[in-house]
N, C-alpha and C. Protein backbone atom coordinates (compact mmCIF):
# COMPACT_ATOMS: atom_id res chain seq x y z
N MET A 1 -113.80 -11.63 43.85
CA MET A 1 -114.89 -12.52 44.19
C MET A 1 -114.48 -13.93 43.78
N ASN A 2 -114.69 -14.88 44.68
CA ASN A 2 -114.41 -16.27 44.35
C ASN A 2 -115.72 -17.00 44.05
N LYS A 3 -115.63 -18.28 43.74
CA LYS A 3 -116.81 -19.04 43.33
C LYS A 3 -117.86 -19.12 44.44
N THR A 4 -117.44 -19.29 45.69
CA THR A 4 -118.37 -19.36 46.81
C THR A 4 -119.14 -18.05 46.96
N GLU A 5 -118.44 -16.94 46.82
CA GLU A 5 -119.09 -15.63 46.91
C GLU A 5 -120.04 -15.41 45.74
N LEU A 6 -119.65 -15.88 44.56
CA LEU A 6 -120.52 -15.79 43.39
C LEU A 6 -121.81 -16.57 43.61
N VAL A 7 -121.69 -17.78 44.12
CA VAL A 7 -122.87 -18.61 44.40
C VAL A 7 -123.77 -17.90 45.40
N ALA A 8 -123.20 -17.31 46.44
CA ALA A 8 -124.00 -16.60 47.45
C ALA A 8 -124.73 -15.41 46.83
N LYS A 9 -124.06 -14.66 45.95
CA LYS A 9 -124.69 -13.50 45.30
C LYS A 9 -125.82 -13.95 44.37
N VAL A 10 -125.60 -15.05 43.63
CA VAL A 10 -126.64 -15.56 42.74
C VAL A 10 -127.84 -16.04 43.55
N ALA A 11 -127.59 -16.72 44.66
CA ALA A 11 -128.68 -17.19 45.52
C ALA A 11 -129.48 -16.01 46.07
N GLU A 12 -128.79 -14.97 46.47
CA GLU A 12 -129.45 -13.77 47.00
C GLU A 12 -130.27 -13.07 45.92
N ALA A 13 -129.70 -12.95 44.73
CA ALA A 13 -130.37 -12.23 43.65
C ALA A 13 -131.58 -12.98 43.10
N THR A 14 -131.54 -14.32 43.13
CA THR A 14 -132.63 -15.11 42.55
C THR A 14 -133.60 -15.65 43.58
N GLY A 15 -133.24 -15.58 44.85
CA GLY A 15 -134.11 -16.12 45.89
C GLY A 15 -134.01 -17.63 46.00
N GLU A 16 -133.06 -18.25 45.32
CA GLU A 16 -132.84 -19.68 45.39
C GLU A 16 -132.02 -20.02 46.63
N THR A 17 -131.97 -21.31 46.94
CA THR A 17 -131.07 -21.75 48.01
C THR A 17 -129.65 -21.73 47.45
N LYS A 18 -128.67 -21.76 48.35
CA LYS A 18 -127.29 -21.77 47.90
C LYS A 18 -126.98 -23.04 47.11
N ALA A 19 -127.60 -24.15 47.49
CA ALA A 19 -127.37 -25.41 46.78
C ALA A 19 -127.89 -25.31 45.34
N ALA A 20 -129.06 -24.75 45.16
CA ALA A 20 -129.63 -24.60 43.82
C ALA A 20 -128.82 -23.60 43.00
N ALA A 21 -128.39 -22.52 43.64
CA ALA A 21 -127.58 -21.52 42.95
C ALA A 21 -126.23 -22.12 42.54
N GLN A 22 -125.66 -22.97 43.39
CA GLN A 22 -124.39 -23.59 43.07
C GLN A 22 -124.53 -24.50 41.85
N LYS A 23 -125.62 -25.25 41.77
CA LYS A 23 -125.85 -26.10 40.60
C LYS A 23 -125.97 -25.24 39.34
N SER A 24 -126.66 -24.12 39.45
CA SER A 24 -126.83 -23.23 38.29
C SER A 24 -125.50 -22.64 37.85
N VAL A 25 -124.72 -22.15 38.79
CA VAL A 25 -123.42 -21.55 38.47
C VAL A 25 -122.50 -22.59 37.84
N GLU A 26 -122.45 -23.79 38.44
CA GLU A 26 -121.59 -24.84 37.91
C GLU A 26 -122.04 -25.28 36.52
N ALA A 27 -123.36 -25.30 36.28
CA ALA A 27 -123.86 -25.67 34.95
C ALA A 27 -123.44 -24.64 33.90
N VAL A 28 -123.52 -23.37 34.25
CA VAL A 28 -123.11 -22.31 33.31
C VAL A 28 -121.61 -22.42 33.03
N LEU A 29 -120.81 -22.56 34.08
CA LEU A 29 -119.36 -22.63 33.89
C LEU A 29 -118.97 -23.87 33.08
N GLU A 30 -119.60 -24.99 33.35
CA GLU A 30 -119.31 -26.23 32.62
C GLU A 30 -119.71 -26.10 31.16
N THR A 31 -120.83 -25.46 30.89
CA THR A 31 -121.29 -25.27 29.52
C THR A 31 -120.32 -24.38 28.74
N VAL A 32 -119.86 -23.31 29.35
CA VAL A 32 -118.89 -22.42 28.71
C VAL A 32 -117.59 -23.17 28.46
N ALA A 33 -117.11 -23.92 29.46
CA ALA A 33 -115.86 -24.66 29.32
C ALA A 33 -115.96 -25.72 28.23
N ALA A 34 -117.09 -26.41 28.15
CA ALA A 34 -117.28 -27.45 27.13
C ALA A 34 -117.30 -26.82 25.73
N ALA A 35 -117.96 -25.70 25.59
CA ALA A 35 -118.02 -25.03 24.28
C ALA A 35 -116.63 -24.56 23.85
N LEU A 36 -115.88 -23.98 24.78
CA LEU A 36 -114.53 -23.53 24.44
C LEU A 36 -113.63 -24.72 24.13
N GLY A 37 -113.81 -25.81 24.87
CA GLY A 37 -113.04 -27.02 24.61
C GLY A 37 -113.32 -27.60 23.23
N ALA A 38 -114.52 -27.38 22.72
CA ALA A 38 -114.89 -27.85 21.38
C ALA A 38 -114.51 -26.84 20.30
N GLY A 39 -113.87 -25.74 20.70
CA GLY A 39 -113.43 -24.74 19.73
C GLY A 39 -114.51 -23.75 19.34
N GLU A 40 -115.61 -23.74 20.07
CA GLU A 40 -116.69 -22.80 19.76
C GLU A 40 -116.46 -21.46 20.45
N LYS A 41 -117.10 -20.43 19.92
CA LYS A 41 -117.07 -19.10 20.52
C LYS A 41 -118.33 -18.96 21.38
N VAL A 42 -118.19 -18.33 22.54
CA VAL A 42 -119.33 -18.13 23.44
C VAL A 42 -119.60 -16.63 23.53
N ASP A 43 -120.77 -16.20 23.06
CA ASP A 43 -121.16 -14.79 23.10
C ASP A 43 -122.27 -14.62 24.13
N ILE A 44 -122.03 -13.80 25.13
CA ILE A 44 -123.04 -13.49 26.14
C ILE A 44 -123.36 -12.01 25.98
N LEU A 45 -124.51 -11.74 25.38
CA LEU A 45 -124.90 -10.38 25.05
C LEU A 45 -124.87 -9.49 26.29
N GLY A 46 -124.20 -8.36 26.20
CA GLY A 46 -124.11 -7.41 27.29
C GLY A 46 -122.98 -7.72 28.26
N PHE A 47 -122.38 -8.90 28.16
CA PHE A 47 -121.28 -9.27 29.05
C PHE A 47 -119.97 -9.35 28.30
N GLY A 48 -119.92 -10.20 27.26
CA GLY A 48 -118.70 -10.30 26.48
C GLY A 48 -118.63 -11.57 25.68
N ASN A 49 -117.48 -11.77 25.03
CA ASN A 49 -117.25 -12.92 24.16
C ASN A 49 -116.04 -13.70 24.65
N PHE A 50 -116.19 -15.01 24.72
CA PHE A 50 -115.08 -15.90 25.02
C PHE A 50 -114.74 -16.63 23.73
N SER A 51 -113.46 -16.75 23.43
CA SER A 51 -113.03 -17.49 22.25
C SER A 51 -111.67 -18.11 22.54
N THR A 52 -111.26 -19.02 21.66
CA THR A 52 -109.94 -19.62 21.80
C THR A 52 -109.02 -19.09 20.71
N SER A 53 -107.74 -19.12 20.98
CA SER A 53 -106.74 -18.65 20.04
C SER A 53 -105.52 -19.56 20.19
N VAL A 54 -104.85 -19.84 19.09
CA VAL A 54 -103.65 -20.67 19.14
C VAL A 54 -102.43 -19.77 19.12
N ARG A 55 -101.60 -19.93 20.13
CA ARG A 55 -100.35 -19.20 20.21
C ARG A 55 -99.28 -20.07 19.56
N ALA A 56 -98.57 -19.55 18.59
CA ALA A 56 -97.59 -20.33 17.83
C ALA A 56 -96.40 -20.73 18.71
N ALA A 57 -95.73 -21.82 18.31
CA ALA A 57 -94.52 -22.25 19.01
C ALA A 57 -93.45 -21.18 18.82
N ARG A 58 -92.58 -21.04 19.81
CA ARG A 58 -91.54 -20.03 19.71
C ARG A 58 -90.32 -20.43 20.53
N THR A 59 -89.24 -19.76 20.28
CA THR A 59 -88.03 -19.96 21.05
C THR A 59 -87.81 -18.71 21.88
N GLY A 60 -87.63 -18.91 23.17
CA GLY A 60 -87.39 -17.79 24.08
C GLY A 60 -86.05 -17.94 24.76
N ARG A 61 -85.76 -17.05 25.66
CA ARG A 61 -84.49 -17.10 26.40
C ARG A 61 -84.77 -17.03 27.89
N ASN A 62 -84.00 -17.78 28.64
CA ASN A 62 -84.05 -17.72 30.10
C ASN A 62 -83.35 -16.43 30.49
N PRO A 63 -84.03 -15.49 31.17
CA PRO A 63 -83.40 -14.21 31.47
C PRO A 63 -82.22 -14.33 32.44
N ALA A 64 -82.21 -15.37 33.27
CA ALA A 64 -81.12 -15.52 34.24
C ALA A 64 -79.85 -16.06 33.60
N THR A 65 -80.02 -17.03 32.68
CA THR A 65 -78.84 -17.68 32.10
C THR A 65 -78.60 -17.32 30.64
N GLY A 66 -79.62 -16.83 29.97
CA GLY A 66 -79.49 -16.52 28.55
C GLY A 66 -79.64 -17.73 27.65
N ALA A 67 -79.90 -18.90 28.24
CA ALA A 67 -80.03 -20.13 27.46
C ALA A 67 -81.34 -20.11 26.67
N ALA A 68 -81.29 -20.66 25.45
CA ALA A 68 -82.48 -20.73 24.60
C ALA A 68 -83.42 -21.80 25.16
N GLN A 69 -84.71 -21.52 25.02
CA GLN A 69 -85.72 -22.45 25.51
C GLN A 69 -86.87 -22.46 24.51
N ASP A 70 -87.33 -23.68 24.14
CA ASP A 70 -88.43 -23.82 23.20
C ASP A 70 -89.75 -23.87 23.94
N PHE A 71 -90.72 -23.10 23.46
CA PHE A 71 -92.07 -23.12 24.00
C PHE A 71 -92.99 -23.68 22.92
N PRO A 72 -93.75 -24.75 23.22
CA PRO A 72 -94.62 -25.35 22.21
C PRO A 72 -95.84 -24.47 21.93
N ALA A 73 -96.53 -24.77 20.83
CA ALA A 73 -97.78 -24.07 20.52
C ALA A 73 -98.77 -24.33 21.63
N LYS A 74 -99.66 -23.38 21.86
CA LYS A 74 -100.58 -23.48 22.99
C LYS A 74 -101.91 -22.83 22.62
N THR A 75 -103.00 -23.47 23.02
CA THR A 75 -104.32 -22.89 22.83
C THR A 75 -104.67 -22.10 24.09
N THR A 76 -105.06 -20.85 23.92
CA THR A 76 -105.41 -20.00 25.05
C THR A 76 -106.84 -19.49 24.90
N ILE A 77 -107.37 -18.97 25.98
CA ILE A 77 -108.72 -18.41 25.99
C ILE A 77 -108.62 -16.90 25.98
N LYS A 78 -109.43 -16.28 25.12
CA LYS A 78 -109.48 -14.83 25.05
C LYS A 78 -110.87 -14.37 25.49
N PHE A 79 -110.91 -13.23 26.15
CA PHE A 79 -112.18 -12.63 26.56
C PHE A 79 -112.20 -11.20 26.09
N LYS A 80 -113.28 -10.83 25.42
CA LYS A 80 -113.47 -9.44 24.99
C LYS A 80 -114.74 -8.95 25.66
N PRO A 81 -114.63 -7.98 26.57
CA PRO A 81 -115.83 -7.49 27.26
C PRO A 81 -116.79 -6.79 26.31
N GLY A 82 -118.08 -6.93 26.60
CA GLY A 82 -119.12 -6.26 25.82
C GLY A 82 -119.23 -4.80 26.20
N LYS A 83 -119.95 -4.05 25.40
CA LYS A 83 -120.11 -2.61 25.62
C LYS A 83 -120.74 -2.32 26.98
N ALA A 84 -121.79 -3.07 27.34
CA ALA A 84 -122.47 -2.83 28.61
C ALA A 84 -121.54 -3.07 29.79
N LEU A 85 -120.69 -4.09 29.71
CA LEU A 85 -119.74 -4.37 30.80
C LEU A 85 -118.68 -3.29 30.86
N ASN A 86 -118.18 -2.87 29.71
CA ASN A 86 -117.18 -1.80 29.68
C ASN A 86 -117.70 -0.51 30.30
N GLU A 87 -118.96 -0.21 30.07
CA GLU A 87 -119.55 1.02 30.60
C GLU A 87 -119.68 0.98 32.12
N ARG A 88 -119.72 -0.21 32.72
CA ARG A 88 -119.84 -0.33 34.17
C ARG A 88 -118.52 -0.22 34.89
N LEU A 89 -117.42 -0.30 34.15
CA LEU A 89 -116.08 -0.22 34.75
C LEU A 89 -115.78 1.21 35.16
N PRO A 90 -115.03 1.36 36.27
CA PRO A 90 -114.68 2.73 36.68
C PRO A 90 -113.72 3.37 35.69
N LYS A 91 -113.85 4.65 35.53
CA LYS A 91 -112.98 5.40 34.62
C LYS A 91 -111.66 5.69 35.34
N ALA A 92 -110.58 5.62 34.60
CA ALA A 92 -109.25 5.83 35.18
C ALA A 92 -108.97 7.29 35.40
């Protein structure tokens, strides 16, 4: 599902216009992004938790040439699904 499809599903589920649903979806995404950018954790009960993590700097190797390559430290986003979301996933 892409953002356009998400907006259409939200509009259908809420009875709003697509324009109003798009504003709502964008507001939620912007709020989550701003909180993560500020280093905050975002907990959405029944859905999951978003948090940031710092990946340490490291030295790796180019698999084609074997040459050493330095990778700087990097902040990444982690998502841990909530119990309710996990229960909705198909069993393997």
